[in-house]
PDB file of all heavy atoms in Angstrom:
ATOM      1  N   SER A   1       0.827  -1.192   0.000  1.00  0.00           N
ATOM      2  CA  SER A   1       0.000   0.000   0.000  1.00  0.00           C
ATOM      3  C   SER A   1       0.869   1.254   0.000  1.00  0.00           C
ATOM      4  O   SER A   1       2.093   1.192   0.178  1.00  0.00           O
ATOM      5  CB  SER A   1      -0.916   0.001   1.224  1.00  0.00           C
ATOM      6  OG  SER A   1      -0.149   0.190   2.412  1.00  0.00           O
ATOM      7  N   PHE A   2       0.221   2.382  -0.167  1.00  0.00           N
ATOM      8  CA  PHE A   2       0.923   3.669  -0.129  1.00  0.00           C
ATOM      9  C   PHE A   2       1.644   3.847   1.207  1.00  0.00           C
ATOM     10  O   PHE A   2       2.823   4.202   1.245  1.00  0.00           O
ATOM     11  CB  PHE A   2      -0.090   4.799  -0.337  1.00  0.00           C
ATOM     12  CG  PHE A   2       0.470   6.181  -0.139  1.00  0.00           C
ATOM     13  CD1 PHE A   2       1.258   6.774  -1.122  1.00  0.00           C
ATOM     14  CD2 PHE A   2       0.215   6.889   1.025  1.00  0.00           C
ATOM     15  CE1 PHE A   2       1.773   8.053  -0.943  1.00  0.00           C
ATOM     16  CE2 PHE A   2       0.718   8.173   1.213  1.00  0.00           C
ATOM     17  CZ  PHE A   2       1.500   8.751   0.228  1.00  0.00           C
ATOM     18  N   GLY A   3       0.955   3.596   2.309  1.00  0.00           N
ATOM     19  CA  GLY A   3       1.565   3.761   3.627  1.00  0.00           C
ATOM     20  C   GLY A   3       2.754   2.850   3.833  1.00  0.00           C
ATOM     21  O   GLY A   3       3.774   3.256   4.410  1.00  0.00           O
ATOM     22  N   GLN A   4       2.656   1.600   3.381  1.00  0.00           N
ATOM     23  CA  GLN A   4       3.772   0.662   3.536  1.00  0.00           C
ATOM     24  C   GLN A   4       4.982   1.098   2.715  1.00  0.00           C
ATOM     25  O   GLN A   4       6.128   0.965   3.161  1.00  0.00           O
ATOM     26  CB  GLN A   4       3.323  -0.739   3.120  1.00  0.00           C
ATOM     27  CG  GLN A   4       2.383  -1.397   4.103  1.00  0.00           C
ATOM     28  CD  GLN A   4       1.883  -2.736   3.603  1.00  0.00           C
ATOM     29  OE1 GLN A   4       1.367  -2.843   2.472  1.00  0.00           O
ATOM     30  NE2 GLN A   4       2.025  -3.772   4.412  1.00  0.00           N
ATOM     31  N   THR A   5       4.733   1.628   1.526  1.00  0.00           N
ATOM     32  CA  THR A   5       5.843   2.056   0.672  1.00  0.00           C
ATOM     33  C   THR A   5       6.526   3.290   1.250  1.00  0.00           C
ATOM     34  O   THR A   5       7.753   3.407   1.218  1.00  0.00           O
ATOM     35  CB  THR A   5       5.349   2.349  -0.754  1.00  0.00           C
ATOM     36  OG1 THR A   5       4.554   1.260  -1.221  1.00  0.00           O
ATOM     37  CG2 THR A   5       6.528   2.529  -1.702  1.00  0.00           C
ATOM     38  N   VAL A   6       5.730   4.235   1.785  1.00  0.00           N
ATOM     39  CA  VAL A   6       6.333   5.404   2.434  1.00  0.00           C
ATOM     40  C   VAL A   6       7.168   4.964   3.635  1.00  0.00           C
ATOM     41  O   VAL A   6       8.277   5.465   3.860  1.00  0.00           O
ATOM     42  CB  VAL A   6       5.246   6.410   2.868  1.00  0.00           C
ATOM     43  CG1 VAL A   6       5.870   7.551   3.672  1.00  0.00           C
ATOM     44  CG2 VAL A   6       4.521   6.973   1.655  1.00  0.00           C
ATOM     45  N   LEU A   7       6.664   4.008   4.409  1.00  0.00           N
ATOM     46  CA  LEU A   7       7.423   3.499   5.552  1.00  0.00           C
ATOM     47  C   LEU A   7       8.725   2.849   5.085  1.00  0.00           C
ATOM     48  O   LEU A   7       9.773   3.015   5.723  1.00  0.00           O
ATOM     49  CB  LEU A   7       6.580   2.492   6.334  1.00  0.00           C
ATOM     50  CG  LEU A   7       7.248   1.861   7.559  1.00  0.00           C
ATOM     51  CD1 LEU A   7       7.718   2.926   8.543  1.00  0.00           C
ATOM     52  CD2 LEU A   7       6.296   0.879   8.244  1.00  0.00           C
ATOM     53  N   ALA A   8       8.680   2.138   3.969  1.00  0.00           N
ATOM     54  CA  ALA A   8       9.893   1.543   3.424  1.00  0.00           C
ATOM     55  C   ALA A   8      10.917   2.624   3.067  1.00  0.00           C
ATOM     56  O   ALA A   8      12.119   2.471   3.306  1.00  0.00           O
ATOM     57  CB  ALA A   8       9.564   0.703   2.187  1.00  0.00           C
ATOM     58  N   MET A   9      10.442   3.739   2.516  1.00  0.00           N
ATOM     59  CA  MET A   9      11.347   4.830   2.165  1.00  0.00           C
ATOM     60  C   MET A   9      11.911   5.505   3.415  1.00  0.00           C
ATOM     61  O   MET A   9      13.041   5.995   3.406  1.00  0.00           O
ATOM     62  CB  MET A   9      10.628   5.840   1.268  1.00  0.00           C
ATOM     63  CG  MET A   9      10.355   5.293  -0.125  1.00  0.00           C
ATOM     64  SD  MET A   9       9.814   6.553  -1.322  1.00  0.00           S
ATOM     65  CE  MET A   9       8.151   6.849  -0.747  1.00  0.00           C
ATOM     66  N   VAL A  10      11.127   5.524   4.497  1.00  0.00           N
ATOM     67  CA  VAL A  10      11.652   6.043   5.763  1.00  0.00           C
ATOM     68  C   VAL A  10      12.801   5.163   6.244  1.00  0.00           C
ATOM     69  O   VAL A  10      13.866   5.652   6.639  1.00  0.00           O
ATOM     70  CB  VAL A  10      10.528   6.105   6.825  1.00  0.00           C
ATOM     71  CG1 VAL A  10      11.112   6.429   8.198  1.00  0.00           C
ATOM     72  CG2 VAL A  10       9.487   7.144   6.445  1.00  0.00           C
ATOM     73  N   HIS A  11      12.595   3.844   6.218  1.00  0.00           N
ATOM     74  CA  HIS A  11      13.679   2.919   6.601  1.00  0.00           C
ATOM     75  C   HIS A  11      14.889   3.119   5.689  1.00  0.00           C
ATOM     76  O   HIS A  11      16.037   3.130   6.155  1.00  0.00           O
ATOM     77  CB  HIS A  11      13.191   1.476   6.499  1.00  0.00           C
ATOM     78  CG  HIS A  11      12.187   1.097   7.541  1.00  0.00           C
ATOM     79  ND1 HIS A  11      12.341   1.400   8.873  1.00  0.00           N
ATOM     80  CD2 HIS A  11      11.008   0.424   7.449  1.00  0.00           C
ATOM     81  CE1 HIS A  11      11.309   0.935   9.557  1.00  0.00           C
ATOM     82  NE2 HIS A  11      10.487   0.332   8.709  1.00  0.00           N
ATOM     83  N   ASN A  12      14.620   3.254   4.408  1.00  0.00           N
ATOM     84  CA  ASN A  12      15.685   3.454   3.431  1.00  0.00           C
ATOM     85  C   ASN A  12      16.481   4.717   3.751  1.00  0.00           C
ATOM     86  O   ASN A  12      17.712   4.736   3.670  1.00  0.00           O
ATOM     87  CB  ASN A  12      15.057   3.557   2.038  1.00  0.00           C
ATOM     88  CG  ASN A  12      16.069   3.382   0.930  1.00  0.00           C
ATOM     89  OD1 ASN A  12      17.265   3.523   1.138  1.00  0.00           O
ATOM     90  ND2 ASN A  12      15.583   3.090  -0.261  1.00  0.00           N
ATOM     91  N   ALA A  13      15.785   5.779   4.141  1.00  0.00           N
ATOM     92  CA  ALA A  13      16.440   7.054   4.422  1.00  0.00           C
ATOM     93  C   ALA A  13      17.308   6.994   5.675  1.00  0.00           C
ATOM     94  O   ALA A  13      18.138   7.880   5.896  1.00  0.00           O
ATOM     95  CB  ALA A  13      15.393   8.154   4.580  1.00  0.00           C
ATOM     96  N   LEU A  14      17.127   5.960   6.486  1.00  0.00           N
ATOM     97  CA  LEU A  14      17.931   5.830   7.702  1.00  0.00           C
ATOM     98  C   LEU A  14      19.209   5.033   7.471  1.00  0.00           C
ATOM     99  O   LEU A  14      19.791   4.503   8.408  1.00  0.00           O
ATOM    100  CB  LEU A  14      17.093   5.138   8.797  1.00  0.00           C
ATOM    101  CG  LEU A  14      15.888   5.936   9.286  1.00  0.00           C
ATOM    102  CD1 LEU A  14      15.057   5.112  10.263  1.00  0.00           C
ATOM    103  CD2 LEU A  14      16.332   7.228   9.955  1.00  0.00           C
ATOM    104  N   GLY A  15      19.653   4.966   6.226  1.00  0.00           N
ATOM    105  CA  GLY A  15      20.901   4.262   6.008  1.00  0.00           C
ATOM    106  C   GLY A  15      21.292   4.039   4.564  1.00  0.00           C
ATOM    107  O   GLY A  15      22.274   3.374   4.284  1.00  0.00           O
ATOM    108  N   PHE A  16      20.536   4.589   3.611  1.00  0.00           N
ATOM    109  CA  PHE A  16      20.816   4.286   2.201  1.00  0.00           C
ATOM    110  C   PHE A  16      20.625   5.526   1.342  1.00  0.00           C
ATOM    111  O   PHE A  16      20.309   5.442   0.167  1.00  0.00           O
ATOM    112  CB  PHE A  16      19.853   3.177   1.745  1.00  0.00           C
ATOM    113  CG  PHE A  16      20.400   2.276   0.668  1.00  0.00           C
ATOM    114  CD1 PHE A  16      21.502   1.465   0.908  1.00  0.00           C
ATOM    115  CD2 PHE A  16      19.799   2.228  -0.576  1.00  0.00           C
ATOM    116  CE1 PHE A  16      21.982   0.620  -0.078  1.00  0.00           C
ATOM    117  CE2 PHE A  16      20.285   1.382  -1.569  1.00  0.00           C
ATOM    118  CZ  PHE A  16      21.382   0.572  -1.308  1.00  0.00           C
ATOM    119  N   THR A  17      20.785   6.703   1.928  1.00  0.00           N
ATOM    120  CA  THR A  17      20.365   7.929   1.257  1.00  0.00           C
ATOM    121  C   THR A  17      21.221   8.310   0.060  1.00  0.00           C
ATOM    122  O   THR A  17      20.778   9.067  -0.801  1.00  0.00           O
ATOM    123  CB  THR A  17      20.385   9.097   2.253  1.00  0.00           C
ATOM    124  OG1 THR A  17      21.674   9.155   2.879  1.00  0.00           O
ATOM    125  CG2 THR A  17      19.341   8.907   3.330  1.00  0.00           C
ATOM    126  N   SER A  18      22.439   7.823  -0.025  1.00  0.00           N
ATOM    127  CA  SER A  18      23.326   8.259  -1.103  1.00  0.00           C
ATOM    128  C   SER A  18      23.215   7.390  -2.352  1.00  0.00           C
ATOM    129  O   SER A  18      23.918   7.624  -3.320  1.00  0.00           O
ATOM    130  CB  SER A  18      24.783   8.263  -0.609  1.00  0.00           C
ATOM    131  OG  SER A  18      25.187   6.964  -0.236  1.00  0.00           O
ATOM    132  N   LYS A  19      22.350   6.403  -2.333  1.00  0.00           N
ATOM    133  CA  LYS A  19      22.223   5.477  -3.460  1.00  0.00           C
ATOM    134  C   LYS A  19      21.081   5.901  -4.378  1.00  0.00           C
ATOM    135  O   LYS A  19      20.086   6.474  -3.931  1.00  0.00           O
ATOM    136  CB  LYS A  19      21.967   4.052  -2.958  1.00  0.00           C
ATOM    137  CG  LYS A  19      23.007   3.544  -1.966  1.00  0.00           C
ATOM    138  CD  LYS A  19      24.393   3.465  -2.564  1.00  0.00           C
ATOM    139  CE  LYS A  19      25.373   2.877  -1.557  1.00  0.00           C
ATOM    140  NZ  LYS A  19      26.759   2.907  -2.026  1.00  0.00           N
ATOM    141  N   PRO A  20      21.180   5.608  -5.684  1.00  0.00           N
ATOM    142  CA  PRO A  20      20.075   5.918  -6.601  1.00  0.00           C
ATOM    143  C   PRO A  20      18.857   5.056  -6.313  1.00  0.00           C
ATOM    144  O   PRO A  20      18.953   3.999  -5.675  1.00  0.00           O
ATOM    145  CB  PRO A  20      20.669   5.615  -7.978  1.00  0.00           C
ATOM    146  CG  PRO A  20      21.799   4.667  -7.722  1.00  0.00           C
ATOM    147  CD  PRO A  20      22.348   5.040  -6.386  1.00  0.00           C
ATOM    148  N   LEU A  21      17.701   5.514  -6.803  1.00  0.00           N
ATOM    149  CA  LEU A  21      16.428   4.867  -6.485  1.00  0.00           C
ATOM    150  C   LEU A  21      16.400   3.404  -6.920  1.00  0.00           C
ATOM    151  O   LEU A  21      15.858   2.552  -6.207  1.00  0.00           O
ATOM    152  CB  LEU A  21      15.294   5.644  -7.175  1.00  0.00           C
ATOM    153  CG  LEU A  21      13.905   5.563  -6.544  1.00  0.00           C
ATOM    154  CD1 LEU A  21      13.928   6.094  -5.128  1.00  0.00           C
ATOM    155  CD2 LEU A  21      12.891   6.336  -7.387  1.00  0.00           C
ATOM    156  N   TYR A  22      16.994   3.103  -8.072  1.00  0.00           N
ATOM    157  CA  TYR A  22      16.917   1.722  -8.573  1.00  0.00           C
ATOM    158  C   TYR A  22      17.714   0.736  -7.730  1.00  0.00           C
ATOM    159  O   TYR A  22      17.569  -0.477  -7.871  1.00  0.00           O
ATOM    160  CB  TYR A  22      17.361   1.656 -10.040  1.00  0.00           C
ATOM    161  CG  TYR A  22      18.833   1.911 -10.276  1.00  0.00           C
ATOM    162  CD1 TYR A  22      19.768   0.883 -10.160  1.00  0.00           C
ATOM    163  CD2 TYR A  22      19.285   3.177 -10.631  1.00  0.00           C
ATOM    164  CE1 TYR A  22      21.115   1.113 -10.387  1.00  0.00           C
ATOM    165  CE2 TYR A  22      20.628   3.418 -10.850  1.00  0.00           C
ATOM    166  CZ  TYR A  22      21.540   2.383 -10.728  1.00  0.00           C
ATOM    167  OH  TYR A  22      22.879   2.618 -10.935  1.00  0.00           O
ATOM    168  N   MET A  23      18.557   1.259  -6.820  1.00  0.00           N
ATOM    169  CA  MET A  23      19.337   0.391  -5.947  1.00  0.00           C
ATOM    170  C   MET A  23      18.610   0.048  -4.650  1.00  0.00           C
ATOM    171  O   MET A  23      19.120  -0.717  -3.828  1.00  0.00           O
ATOM    172  CB  MET A  23      20.663   1.064  -5.604  1.00  0.00           C
ATOM    173  CG  MET A  23      21.631   1.191  -6.755  1.00  0.00           C
ATOM    174  SD  MET A  23      22.303  -0.418  -7.241  1.00  0.00           S
ATOM    175  CE  MET A  23      23.326  -0.789  -5.818  1.00  0.00           C
ATOM    176  N   SER A  24      17.418   0.590  -4.467  1.00  0.00           N
ATOM    177  CA  SER A  24      16.699   0.385  -3.201  1.00  0.00           C
ATOM    178  C   SER A  24      16.492  -1.085  -2.843  1.00  0.00           C
ATOM    179  O   SER A  24      16.612  -1.458  -1.669  1.00  0.00           O
ATOM    180  CB  SER A  24      15.356   1.118  -3.235  1.00  0.00           C
ATOM    181  OG  SER A  24      15.552   2.512  -3.278  1.00  0.00           O
ATOM    182  N   PRO A  25      16.141  -1.974  -3.806  1.00  0.00           N
ATOM    183  CA  PRO A  25      15.987  -3.382  -3.424  1.00  0.00           C
ATOM    184  C   PRO A  25      17.233  -3.974  -2.765  1.00  0.00           C
ATOM    185  O   PRO A  25      17.123  -4.882  -1.927  1.00  0.00           O
ATOM    186  CB  PRO A  25      15.682  -4.073  -4.760  1.00  0.00           C
ATOM    187  CG  PRO A  25      15.027  -3.010  -5.585  1.00  0.00           C
ATOM    188  CD  PRO A  25      15.743  -1.745  -5.217  1.00  0.00           C
ATOM    189  N   GLU A  26      18.416  -3.466  -3.102  1.00  0.00           N
ATOM    190  CA  GLU A  26      19.644  -3.966  -2.474  1.00  0.00           C
ATOM    191  C   GLU A  26      19.643  -3.696  -0.973  1.00  0.00           C
ATOM    192  O   GLU A  26      20.152  -4.490  -0.185  1.00  0.00           O
ATOM    193  CB  GLU A  26      20.866  -3.296  -3.111  1.00  0.00           C
ATOM    194  CG  GLU A  26      21.131  -3.698  -4.542  1.00  0.00           C
ATOM    195  CD  GLU A  26      21.532  -5.172  -4.648  1.00  0.00           C
ATOM    196  OE1 GLU A  26      22.265  -5.643  -3.747  1.00  0.00           O
ATOM    197  OE2 GLU A  26      21.108  -5.828  -5.604  1.00  0.00           O
ATOM    198  N   PHE A  27      19.077  -2.545  -0.586  1.00  0.00           N
ATOM    199  CA  PHE A  27      19.048  -2.194   0.829  1.00  0.00           C
ATOM    200  C   PHE A  27      18.192  -3.177   1.624  1.00  0.00           C
ATOM    201  O   PHE A  27      18.471  -3.458   2.795  1.00  0.00           O
ATOM    202  CB  PHE A  27      18.500  -0.770   0.996  1.00  0.00           C
ATOM    203  CG  PHE A  27      18.298  -0.346   2.418  1.00  0.00           C
ATOM    204  CD1 PHE A  27      19.370  -0.006   3.226  1.00  0.00           C
ATOM    205  CD2 PHE A  27      17.021  -0.301   2.966  1.00  0.00           C
ATOM    206  CE1 PHE A  27      19.187   0.383   4.536  1.00  0.00           C
ATOM    207  CE2 PHE A  27      16.828   0.093   4.277  1.00  0.00           C
ATOM    208  CZ  PHE A  27      17.918   0.431   5.063  1.00  0.00           C
ATOM    209  N   PHE A  28      17.134  -3.696   0.992  1.00  0.00           N
ATOM    210  CA  PHE A  28      16.193  -4.549   1.712  1.00  0.00           C
ATOM    211  C   PHE A  28      16.525  -6.040   1.609  1.00  0.00           C
ATOM    212  O   PHE A  28      15.770  -6.869   2.129  1.00  0.00           O
ATOM    213  CB  PHE A  28      14.770  -4.292   1.202  1.00  0.00           C
ATOM    214  CG  PHE A  28      14.244  -2.941   1.596  1.00  0.00           C
ATOM    215  CD1 PHE A  28      14.225  -1.903   0.681  1.00  0.00           C
ATOM    216  CD2 PHE A  28      13.793  -2.703   2.883  1.00  0.00           C
ATOM    217  CE1 PHE A  28      13.751  -0.654   1.038  1.00  0.00           C
ATOM    218  CE2 PHE A  28      13.323  -1.452   3.247  1.00  0.00           C
ATOM    219  CZ  PHE A  28      13.295  -0.421   2.332  1.00  0.00           C
ATOM    220  N   LYS A  29      17.624  -6.378   0.960  1.00  0.00           N
ATOM    221  CA  LYS A  29      18.045  -7.774   0.924  1.00  0.00           C
ATOM    222  C   LYS A  29      18.402  -8.244   2.334  1.00  0.00           C
ATOM    223  O   LYS A  29      19.027  -7.519   3.098  1.00  0.00           O
ATOM    224  CB  LYS A  29      19.244  -7.963  -0.012  1.00  0.00           C
ATOM    225  CG  LYS A  29      18.863  -7.995  -1.486  1.00  0.00           C
ATOM    226  CD  LYS A  29      20.072  -8.344  -2.340  1.00  0.00           C
ATOM    227  CE  LYS A  29      19.672  -8.481  -3.806  1.00  0.00           C
ATOM    228  NZ  LYS A  29      20.833  -8.808  -4.669  1.00  0.00           N
ATOM    229  N   ARG A  30      17.981  -9.446   2.664  1.00  0.00           N
ATOM    230  CA  ARG A  30      18.247 -10.057   3.967  1.00  0.00           C
ATOM    231  C   ARG A  30      17.648  -9.241   5.116  1.00  0.00           C
ATOM    232  O   ARG A  30      18.131  -9.276   6.242  1.00  0.00           O
ATOM    233  CB  ARG A  30      19.742 -10.283   4.174  1.00  0.00           C
ATOM    234  CG  ARG A  30      20.409 -11.096   3.067  1.00  0.00           C
ATOM    235  CD  ARG A  30      21.830 -11.445   3.427  1.00  0.00           C
ATOM    236  NE  ARG A  30      21.883 -12.399   4.525  1.00  0.00           N
ATOM    237  CZ  ARG A  30      21.684 -13.725   4.398  1.00  0.00           C
ATOM    238  NH1 ARG A  30      21.421 -14.238   3.193  1.00  0.00           N
ATOM    239  NH2 ARG A  30      21.749 -14.520   5.424  1.00  0.00           N
ATOM    240  N   ARG A  31      16.599  -8.467   4.828  1.00  0.00           N
ATOM    241  CA  ARG A  31      15.863  -7.758   5.873  1.00  0.00           C
ATOM    242  C   ARG A  31      14.529  -8.485   6.109  1.00  0.00           C
ATOM    243  O   ARG A  31      13.977  -9.101   5.196  1.00  0.00           O
ATOM    244  CB  ARG A  31      15.562  -6.312   5.458  1.00  0.00           C
ATOM    245  CG  ARG A  31      16.761  -5.532   5.007  1.00  0.00           C
ATOM    246  CD  ARG A  31      17.461  -4.861   6.144  1.00  0.00           C
ATOM    247  NE  ARG A  31      18.594  -4.064   5.683  1.00  0.00           N
ATOM    248  CZ  ARG A  31      19.419  -3.398   6.461  1.00  0.00           C
ATOM    249  NH1 ARG A  31      19.249  -3.436   7.769  1.00  0.00           N
ATOM    250  NH2 ARG A  31      20.426  -2.710   5.959  1.00  0.00           N
ATOM    251  N   ASP A  32      14.014  -8.390   7.298  1.00  0.00           N
ATOM    252  CA  ASP A  32      12.725  -8.987   7.631  1.00  0.00           C
ATOM    253  C   ASP A  32      11.634  -8.006   7.212  1.00  0.00           C
ATOM    254  O   ASP A  32      11.191  -7.161   7.990  1.00  0.00           O
ATOM    255  CB  ASP A  32      12.654  -9.269   9.132  1.00  0.00           C
ATOM    256  CG  ASP A  32      11.425 -10.092   9.499  1.00  0.00           C
ATOM    257  OD1 ASP A  32      10.476 -10.135   8.699  1.00  0.00           O
ATOM    258  OD2 ASP A  32      11.408 -10.686  10.591  1.00  0.00           O
ATOM    259  N   LEU A  33      11.193  -8.108   5.965  1.00  0.00           N
ATOM    260  CA  LEU A  33      10.236  -7.152   5.422  1.00  0.00           C
ATOM    261  C   LEU A  33       8.877  -7.238   6.110  1.00  0.00           C
ATOM    262  O   LEU A  33       8.186  -6.216   6.263  1.00  0.00           O
ATOM    263  CB  LEU A  33      10.074  -7.361   3.917  1.00  0.00           C
ATOM    264  CG  LEU A  33      11.310  -7.048   3.056  1.00  0.00           C
ATOM    265  CD1 LEU A  33      10.990  -7.243   1.584  1.00  0.00           C
ATOM    266  CD2 LEU A  33      11.780  -5.628   3.311  1.00  0.00           C
ATOM    267  N   LYS A  34       8.491  -8.428   6.545  1.00  0.00           N
ATOM    268  CA  LYS A  34       7.207  -8.563   7.238  1.00  0.00           C
ATOM    269  C   LYS A  34       7.239  -7.802   8.558  1.00  0.00           C
ATOM    270  O   LYS A  34       6.268  -7.151   8.945  1.00  0.00           O
ATOM    271  CB  LYS A  34       6.871 -10.023   7.469  1.00  0.00           C
ATOM    272  CG  LYS A  34       5.494 -10.228   8.085  1.00  0.00           C
ATOM    273  CD  LYS A  34       5.131 -11.698   8.189  1.00  0.00           C
ATOM    274  CE  LYS A  34       3.725 -11.868   8.758  1.00  0.00           C
ATOM    275  NZ  LYS A  34       3.346 -13.298   8.869  1.00  0.00           N
ATOM    276  N   PHE A  35       8.359  -7.876   9.256  1.00  0.00           N
ATOM    277  CA  PHE A  35       8.492  -7.145  10.523  1.00  0.00           C
ATOM    278  C   PHE A  35       8.545  -5.645  10.278  1.00  0.00           C
ATOM    279  O   PHE A  35       7.925  -4.863  11.009  1.00  0.00           O
ATOM    280  CB  PHE A  35       9.748  -7.593  11.259  1.00  0.00           C
ATOM    281  CG  PHE A  35       9.959  -6.884  12.574  1.00  0.00           C
ATOM    282  CD1 PHE A  35       9.348  -7.347  13.727  1.00  0.00           C
ATOM    283  CD2 PHE A  35      10.760  -5.757  12.642  1.00  0.00           C
ATOM    284  CE1 PHE A  35       9.527  -6.688  14.932  1.00  0.00           C
ATOM    285  CE2 PHE A  35      10.950  -5.090  13.841  1.00  0.00           C
ATOM    286  CZ  PHE A  35      10.331  -5.565  14.992  1.00  0.00           C
ATOM    287  N   LEU A  36       9.279  -5.236   9.244  1.00  0.00           N
ATOM    288  CA  LEU A  36       9.464  -3.811   8.992  1.00  0.00           C
ATOM    289  C   LEU A  36       8.219  -3.150   8.408  1.00  0.00           C
ATOM    290  O   LEU A  36       7.914  -2.003   8.745  1.00  0.00           O
ATOM    291  CB  LEU A  36      10.642  -3.595   8.034  1.00  0.00           C
ATOM    292  CG  LEU A  36      12.030  -3.995   8.547  1.00  0.00           C
ATOM    293  CD1 LEU A  36      13.081  -3.755   7.472  1.00  0.00           C
ATOM    294  CD2 LEU A  36      12.390  -3.227   9.814  1.00  0.00           C
ATOM    295  N   LEU A  37       7.495  -3.862   7.517  1.00  0.00           N
ATOM    296  CA  LEU A  37       6.397  -3.235   6.780  1.00  0.00           C
ATOM    297  C   LEU A  37       5.038  -3.853   7.056  1.00  0.00           C
ATOM    298  O   LEU A  37       4.016  -3.249   6.724  1.00  0.00           O
ATOM    299  CB  LEU A  37       6.679  -3.307   5.270  1.00  0.00           C
ATOM    300  CG  LEU A  37       8.029  -2.770   4.789  1.00  0.00           C
ATOM    301  CD1 LEU A  37       8.166  -2.973   3.286  1.00  0.00           C
ATOM    302  CD2 LEU A  37       8.190  -1.302   5.157  1.00  0.00           C
ATOM    303  N   GLY A  38       5.007  -5.053   7.639  1.00  0.00           N
ATOM    304  CA  GLY A  38       3.746  -5.755   7.807  1.00  0.00           C
ATOM    305  C   GLY A  38       3.425  -6.608   6.588  1.00  0.00           C
ATOM    306  O   GLY A  38       4.186  -6.646   5.611  1.00  0.00           O
ATOM    307  N   SER A  39       2.292  -7.285   6.604  1.00  0.00           N
ATOM    308  CA  SER A  39       1.884  -8.138   5.482  1.00  0.00           C
ATOM    309  C   SER A  39       1.188  -7.315   4.411  1.00  0.00           C
ATOM    310  O   SER A  39       0.652  -6.239   4.683  1.00  0.00           O
ATOM    311  CB  SER A  39       0.938  -9.242   5.976  1.00  0.00           C
ATOM    312  OG  SER A  39       1.560 -10.052   6.962  1.00  0.00           O
ATOM    313  N   SER A  40       1.204  -7.830   3.198  1.00  0.00           N
ATOM    314  CA  SER A  40       0.501  -7.188   2.096  1.00  0.00           C
ATOM    315  C   SER A  40      -0.984  -7.119   2.417  1.00  0.00           C
ATOM    316  O   SER A  40      -1.596  -8.103   2.847  1.00  0.00           O
ATOM    317  CB  SER A  40       0.720  -7.962   0.798  1.00  0.00           C
ATOM    318  OG  SER A  40      -0.146  -7.504  -0.216  1.00  0.00           O
ATOM    319  N   LYS A  41      -1.602  -5.939   2.230  1.00  0.00           N
ATOM    320  CA  LYS A  41      -3.024  -5.787   2.535  1.00  0.00           C
ATOM    321  C   LYS A  41      -3.902  -6.454   1.490  1.00  0.00           C
ATOM    322  O   LYS A  41      -5.011  -6.909   1.799  1.00  0.00           O
ATOM    323  CB  LYS A  41      -3.369  -4.302   2.648  1.00  0.00           C
ATOM    324  CG  LYS A  41      -2.727  -3.637   3.864  1.00  0.00           C
ATOM    325  CD  LYS A  41      -3.277  -2.242   4.091  1.00  0.00           C
ATOM    326  CE  LYS A  41      -2.740  -1.659   5.394  1.00  0.00           C
ATOM    327  NZ  LYS A  41      -3.318  -0.324   5.703  1.00  0.00           N
TER     328      LYS A  41
END
């Protein structure tokens, strides 16, 4: 959802700010996405 994606960008901004947008999936590799964002609505 919109809220989950914004939350993902907040997490991203806490440690990946110097990378281009297309590199964002690299930041979330080996992360517990269910814990960080919740389940898909």
